[in-house]
Structures are given as structure tokens and as C-alpha cells.
Amino acid sequence: MPACLAEMPWFESAWQDSDGSVLLVGVDVGAFTQLGTNEQGAELLSELGITYPAAYAADEVPLRQLSVTSMPTTVFFDGAGQIVDKHGGLLTEQQIREWFTTLSGGVS
């Protein structure tokens, strides 16, 4: 199973448990990484029961701006919109939950 597929349910669970204290947006870049079309991405979200906000990249600019070199890549922003960390590769559910706690100021 691709790492992004493994992570998505963990992000969903952590996001549901955060009660709105963390903003999560999934961004599908599959069309630019040979991982599928936008339509396939939308179908996958539905199949997995993902309810957190999701979008798709219209071009490769976000990949270049964020220096995405691996899939999946998770970028963490603070409340001011500044990048506080970037992780390439699989995050565990525990790591996701720890980041949510950190970004929410300790509220989990």
C-alpha cells in the first residue's frame, strides 16, 4: 500500500479528534507525480471516507515552491502561515497526533 494511502485514515482520525483546533487540508498532486488523475483522487477520498478538506494542485508550482521531493510530503504551518516543518515519507499515526497537539498549542 502506498504511504499516502496508509496515512490518510490516520490524518482523518486525528483531525476528527482535534475538534477544529487544527486546520488540515489534503492536496492531491497525483496528476504531476504519475499517481493518478484528480478524478481518481476524489474517488479515493470517497472510498476511504475522508472528510477533511481536500484540494488538488492545478499545476506543479506548489511542488516546486515547497520543494516536494518525495511522496507523501507533509508540510506543517503555524497559525501565521509560516512553515514550521516538512516531512517526506510516511508519518505514523502517533507522529501525526503529536504534530496536531503541537500545532494546536497543546489542545488534543
Protein backbone atom coordinates (compact mmCIF):
# COMPACT_ATOMS: atom_id res chain seq x y z
CA MET A 1 0.00 0.00 0.00
CA PRO A 2 1.42 3.42 -0.91
CA ALA A 3 2.39 5.51 2.11
CA CYS A 4 -0.13 8.24 1.31
CA LEU A 5 -2.97 5.70 1.42
CA ALA A 6 -1.80 4.44 4.80
CA GLU A 7 -1.62 7.97 6.21
CA MET A 8 -4.97 9.28 5.05
CA PRO A 9 -7.11 7.37 7.60
CA TRP A 10 -4.68 8.38 10.37
CA PHE A 11 -4.96 12.04 9.36
CA GLU A 12 -8.75 11.66 9.26
CA SER A 13 -8.86 10.15 12.76
CA ALA A 14 -6.53 12.76 14.25
CA TRP A 15 -8.43 15.56 12.51
CA GLN A 16 -11.78 14.28 13.80
CA ASP A 17 -10.35 14.12 17.33
CA SER A 18 -8.90 17.65 17.10
CA ASP A 19 -12.36 19.26 17.27
CA GLY A 20 -11.29 22.05 14.91
CA SER A 21 -8.15 23.05 16.78
CA VAL A 22 -6.04 22.20 13.69
CA LEU A 23 -6.71 23.04 10.06
CA LEU A 24 -5.91 20.11 7.80
CA VAL A 25 -6.02 20.31 4.02
CA GLY A 26 -5.03 17.40 1.84
CA VAL A 27 -3.66 18.37 -1.55
CA ASP A 28 -3.72 15.87 -4.40
CA VAL A 29 -0.67 16.22 -6.64
CA GLY A 30 -1.13 12.84 -8.31
CA ALA A 31 -1.52 14.34 -11.77
CA PHE A 32 2.06 15.65 -11.51
CA THR A 33 3.63 12.61 -9.86
CA GLN A 34 2.12 9.85 -12.04
CA LEU A 35 -0.06 8.75 -9.09
CA GLY A 36 -3.43 9.25 -10.78
CA THR A 37 -5.87 11.84 -12.01
CA ASN A 38 -7.81 14.38 -9.97
CA GLU A 39 -10.94 12.29 -10.57
CA GLN A 40 -9.22 9.18 -9.20
CA GLY A 41 -8.11 11.21 -6.19
CA ALA A 42 -11.69 12.31 -5.50
CA GLU A 43 -12.88 8.71 -5.80
CA LEU A 44 -10.20 7.59 -3.35
CA LEU A 45 -11.27 10.19 -0.78
CA SER A 46 -14.82 8.91 -1.05
CA GLU A 47 -13.79 5.25 -0.80
CA LEU A 48 -11.69 5.92 2.30
CA GLY A 49 -14.36 8.07 3.95
CA ILE A 50 -12.08 11.10 4.14
CA THR A 51 -13.96 14.20 5.30
CA TYR A 52 -11.14 16.65 5.99
CA PRO A 53 -10.86 19.45 3.42
CA ALA A 54 -9.06 18.42 0.24
CA ALA A 55 -7.97 20.15 -2.92
CA TYR A 56 -5.85 19.39 -5.92
CA ALA A 57 -2.92 21.24 -7.39
CA ALA A 58 -3.76 22.89 -10.70
CA ASP A 59 -0.11 22.87 -11.75
CA GLU A 60 3.35 21.94 -10.49
CA VAL A 61 4.03 25.28 -8.78
CA PRO A 62 3.25 24.07 -5.21
CA LEU A 63 5.61 21.11 -5.69
CA ARG A 64 8.42 23.47 -6.65
CA GLN A 65 7.63 26.15 -4.06
CA LEU A 66 7.57 23.63 -1.23
CA SER A 67 10.50 21.61 -2.60
CA VAL A 68 8.49 18.39 -2.60
CA THR A 69 10.92 15.60 -3.42
CA SER A 70 9.09 12.55 -2.06
CA MET A 71 5.59 11.24 -1.72
CA PRO A 72 3.87 11.71 0.53
CA THR A 73 5.14 15.02 1.81
CA THR A 74 3.51 16.71 4.77
CA VAL A 75 4.06 20.41 5.37
CA PHE A 76 3.23 21.87 8.77
CA PHE A 77 2.32 25.55 9.06
CA ASP A 78 1.81 27.60 12.19
CA GLY A 79 -1.14 29.91 12.78
CA ALA A 80 0.66 32.72 10.95
CA GLY A 81 1.08 30.61 7.81
CA GLN A 82 4.81 30.02 8.30
CA ILE A 83 6.29 26.61 7.57
CA VAL A 84 7.44 25.04 10.83
CA ASP A 85 8.42 21.64 9.45
CA LYS A 86 8.23 19.42 6.40
CA HIS A 87 8.31 15.64 6.44
CA GLY A 88 8.95 13.48 3.39
CA GLY A 89 7.65 9.93 3.59
CA LEU A 90 5.27 8.06 5.84
CA LEU A 91 4.22 9.56 9.15
CA THR A 92 2.86 7.22 11.80
CA GLU A 93 -0.46 7.92 13.44
CA GLN A 94 1.41 8.77 16.64
CA GLN A 95 3.59 11.32 14.82
CA ILE A 96 0.50 12.90 13.25
CA ARG A 97 -1.22 13.17 16.61
CA GLU A 98 1.91 14.67 18.20
CA TRP A 99 2.04 17.33 15.47
CA PHE A 100 -1.65 18.11 15.93
CA THR A 101 -1.05 18.57 19.65
CA THR A 102 1.97 20.81 18.98
CA LEU A 103 0.18 22.91 16.37
CA SER A 104 -2.96 23.31 18.47
CA GLY A 105 -0.91 24.68 21.37
CA GLY A 106 -1.28 21.52 23.42
CA VAL A 107 -5.01 21.00 22.87
CA SER A 108 -5.69 17.49 21.62
